[in-house]
């Protein structure tokens, strides 16, 4: 059973009444920052230093 649109609106109104709009804005900003930090931490590291030259395979 999925929630209907009016149920979501009522739930949102209750949350706003409990926490207040300013506190929800701060919470949203903190969640956004945490998500950005998590994405940054899970990115693969790029190799540092010069890239190896192509075609030198080590054989002469």
N, C-alpha and C. Protein backbone atom coordinates (compact mmCIF):
# COMPACT_ATOMS: atom_id res chain seq x y z
N UNK A 1 0.85 -1.17 0.00
CA UNK A 1 0.00 0.00 0.00
C UNK A 1 0.90 1.24 0.00
N UNK A 2 0.86 2.00 -1.06
CA UNK A 2 1.70 3.19 -1.16
C UNK A 2 0.93 4.42 -0.67
N UNK A 3 1.66 5.38 -0.11
CA UNK A 3 0.98 6.58 0.39
C UNK A 3 0.43 7.43 -0.75
N UNK A 4 -0.71 7.99 -0.53
CA UNK A 4 -1.34 8.86 -1.51
C UNK A 4 -0.78 10.27 -1.37
N UNK A 5 -1.07 11.11 -2.33
CA UNK A 5 -0.54 12.47 -2.34
C UNK A 5 -0.98 13.25 -1.11
N UNK A 6 -2.25 13.16 -0.73
CA UNK A 6 -2.73 13.93 0.41
C UNK A 6 -2.10 13.45 1.71
N UNK A 7 -1.76 12.15 1.79
CA UNK A 7 -1.09 11.63 2.98
C UNK A 7 0.31 12.21 3.10
N UNK A 8 1.00 12.35 1.96
CA UNK A 8 2.34 12.94 1.97
C UNK A 8 2.29 14.42 2.37
N UNK A 9 1.26 15.13 1.91
CA UNK A 9 1.11 16.54 2.27
C UNK A 9 0.86 16.69 3.77
N UNK A 10 0.02 15.85 4.32
CA UNK A 10 -0.25 15.90 5.76
C UNK A 10 1.02 15.57 6.55
N UNK A 11 1.75 14.58 6.11
CA UNK A 11 3.00 14.21 6.78
C UNK A 11 4.00 15.36 6.73
N UNK A 12 4.12 16.00 5.59
CA UNK A 12 5.03 17.14 5.46
C UNK A 12 4.61 18.28 6.39
N UNK A 13 3.32 18.55 6.48
CA UNK A 13 2.82 19.60 7.37
C UNK A 13 3.15 19.28 8.83
N UNK A 14 3.01 18.04 9.23
CA UNK A 14 3.32 17.65 10.61
C UNK A 14 4.80 17.83 10.89
N UNK A 15 5.65 17.43 9.95
CA UNK A 15 7.09 17.57 10.13
C UNK A 15 7.47 19.05 10.26
N UNK A 16 6.87 19.90 9.42
CA UNK A 16 7.16 21.34 9.50
C UNK A 16 6.70 21.91 10.84
N UNK A 17 5.54 21.47 11.33
CA UNK A 17 5.06 21.94 12.62
C UNK A 17 5.98 21.50 13.76
N UNK A 18 6.49 20.29 13.69
CA UNK A 18 7.34 19.78 14.76
C UNK A 18 8.71 20.45 14.79
N UNK A 19 9.35 20.57 13.63
CA UNK A 19 10.73 21.04 13.59
C UNK A 19 10.87 22.51 13.21
N UNK A 20 9.93 23.06 12.49
CA UNK A 20 10.03 24.45 12.05
C UNK A 20 10.83 24.55 10.76
N UNK A 21 10.49 25.53 9.93
CA UNK A 21 11.14 25.64 8.62
C UNK A 21 12.63 25.95 8.69
N UNK A 22 13.06 26.76 9.66
CA UNK A 22 14.49 27.10 9.73
C UNK A 22 15.33 25.89 10.12
N UNK A 23 14.82 25.09 11.02
CA UNK A 23 15.56 23.90 11.44
C UNK A 23 15.62 22.87 10.31
N UNK A 24 14.53 22.76 9.52
CA UNK A 24 14.53 21.84 8.38
C UNK A 24 15.52 22.30 7.31
N UNK A 25 15.64 23.62 7.11
CA UNK A 25 16.60 24.15 6.13
C UNK A 25 18.03 23.80 6.54
N UNK A 26 18.32 23.96 7.82
CA UNK A 26 19.66 23.61 8.32
C UNK A 26 19.93 22.11 8.19
N UNK A 27 18.92 21.32 8.46
CA UNK A 27 19.06 19.87 8.33
C UNK A 27 19.28 19.46 6.88
N UNK A 28 18.55 20.11 5.96
CA UNK A 28 18.74 19.83 4.54
C UNK A 28 20.14 20.18 4.07
N UNK A 29 20.66 21.30 4.53
CA UNK A 29 22.02 21.70 4.18
C UNK A 29 23.05 20.72 4.71
N UNK A 30 22.84 20.24 5.93
CA UNK A 30 23.78 19.28 6.52
C UNK A 30 23.75 17.96 5.77
N UNK A 31 22.56 17.52 5.37
CA UNK A 31 22.45 16.26 4.61
C UNK A 31 23.12 16.41 3.25
N UNK A 32 22.91 17.56 2.59
CA UNK A 32 23.55 17.80 1.29
C UNK A 32 25.06 17.79 1.40
N UNK A 33 25.60 18.42 2.43
CA UNK A 33 27.06 18.45 2.63
C UNK A 33 27.59 17.05 2.89
N UNK A 34 26.87 16.28 3.68
CA UNK A 34 27.30 14.91 3.96
C UNK A 34 27.32 14.06 2.69
N UNK A 35 26.32 14.26 1.83
CA UNK A 35 26.28 13.49 0.57
C UNK A 35 27.44 13.88 -0.34
N UNK A 36 27.75 15.19 -0.42
CA UNK A 36 28.89 15.64 -1.25
C UNK A 36 30.19 15.07 -0.72
N UNK A 37 30.38 15.11 0.60
CA UNK A 37 31.60 14.57 1.20
C UNK A 37 31.72 13.07 0.95
N UNK A 38 30.60 12.35 1.02
CA UNK A 38 30.63 10.91 0.79
C UNK A 38 31.01 10.61 -0.65
N UNK A 39 30.42 11.34 -1.61
CA UNK A 39 30.76 11.13 -3.02
C UNK A 39 32.23 11.41 -3.29
N UNK A 40 32.74 12.47 -2.66
CA UNK A 40 34.14 12.83 -2.84
C UNK A 40 35.06 11.74 -2.27
N UNK A 41 34.66 11.18 -1.14
CA UNK A 41 35.49 10.16 -0.49
C UNK A 41 35.46 8.84 -1.24
N UNK A 42 34.40 8.57 -1.99
CA UNK A 42 34.32 7.29 -2.69
C UNK A 42 34.84 7.35 -4.12
N UNK A 43 35.25 8.54 -4.58
CA UNK A 43 35.83 8.65 -5.92
C UNK A 43 37.18 7.93 -5.94
N UNK A 44 37.49 7.24 -7.03
CA UNK A 44 38.82 6.63 -7.10
C UNK A 44 39.88 7.71 -7.22
N UNK A 45 40.99 7.46 -6.57
CA UNK A 45 42.07 8.44 -6.61
C UNK A 45 42.74 8.45 -7.97
N UNK A 46 43.07 9.64 -8.43
CA UNK A 46 43.78 9.76 -9.70
C UNK A 46 45.26 9.62 -9.42
N UNK A 47 45.98 8.94 -10.32
CA UNK A 47 47.42 8.77 -10.09
C UNK A 47 48.13 10.11 -10.12
N UNK A 48 49.13 10.24 -9.25
CA UNK A 48 49.90 11.47 -9.19
C UNK A 48 51.20 11.26 -9.95
N UNK A 49 51.70 12.31 -10.54
CA UNK A 49 52.94 12.22 -11.29
C UNK A 49 52.66 12.12 -12.77
N UNK A 50 53.74 12.05 -13.56
CA UNK A 50 53.55 12.01 -15.02
C UNK A 50 52.96 10.69 -15.48
N UNK A 51 52.16 10.77 -16.52
CA UNK A 51 51.56 9.57 -17.09
C UNK A 51 52.62 8.81 -17.88
N UNK A 52 52.57 7.48 -17.87
CA UNK A 52 53.55 6.71 -18.65
C UNK A 52 53.38 6.96 -20.14
N UNK A 53 54.50 6.97 -20.85
CA UNK A 53 54.43 7.21 -22.30
C UNK A 53 53.92 5.96 -22.98
N UNK A 54 53.12 6.17 -24.01
CA UNK A 54 52.59 5.04 -24.75
C UNK A 54 53.60 4.61 -25.80
N UNK A 55 53.63 3.32 -26.08
CA UNK A 55 54.47 2.79 -27.14
C UNK A 55 55.89 2.47 -26.73
N UNK A 56 56.27 2.65 -25.47
CA UNK A 56 57.64 2.34 -25.07
C UNK A 56 57.77 0.94 -24.51
N UNK A 57 56.78 0.21 -24.26
CA UNK A 57 56.71 -1.18 -23.84
C UNK A 57 57.94 -1.80 -23.19
N UNK A 58 59.05 -1.13 -23.15
CA UNK A 58 60.24 -1.66 -22.48
C UNK A 58 61.11 -2.53 -23.35
N UNK A 59 60.69 -2.86 -24.55
CA UNK A 59 61.49 -3.69 -25.46
C UNK A 59 62.13 -2.79 -26.51
N UNK A 60 63.38 -3.11 -26.87
CA UNK A 60 64.04 -2.33 -27.91
C UNK A 60 64.35 -3.16 -29.10
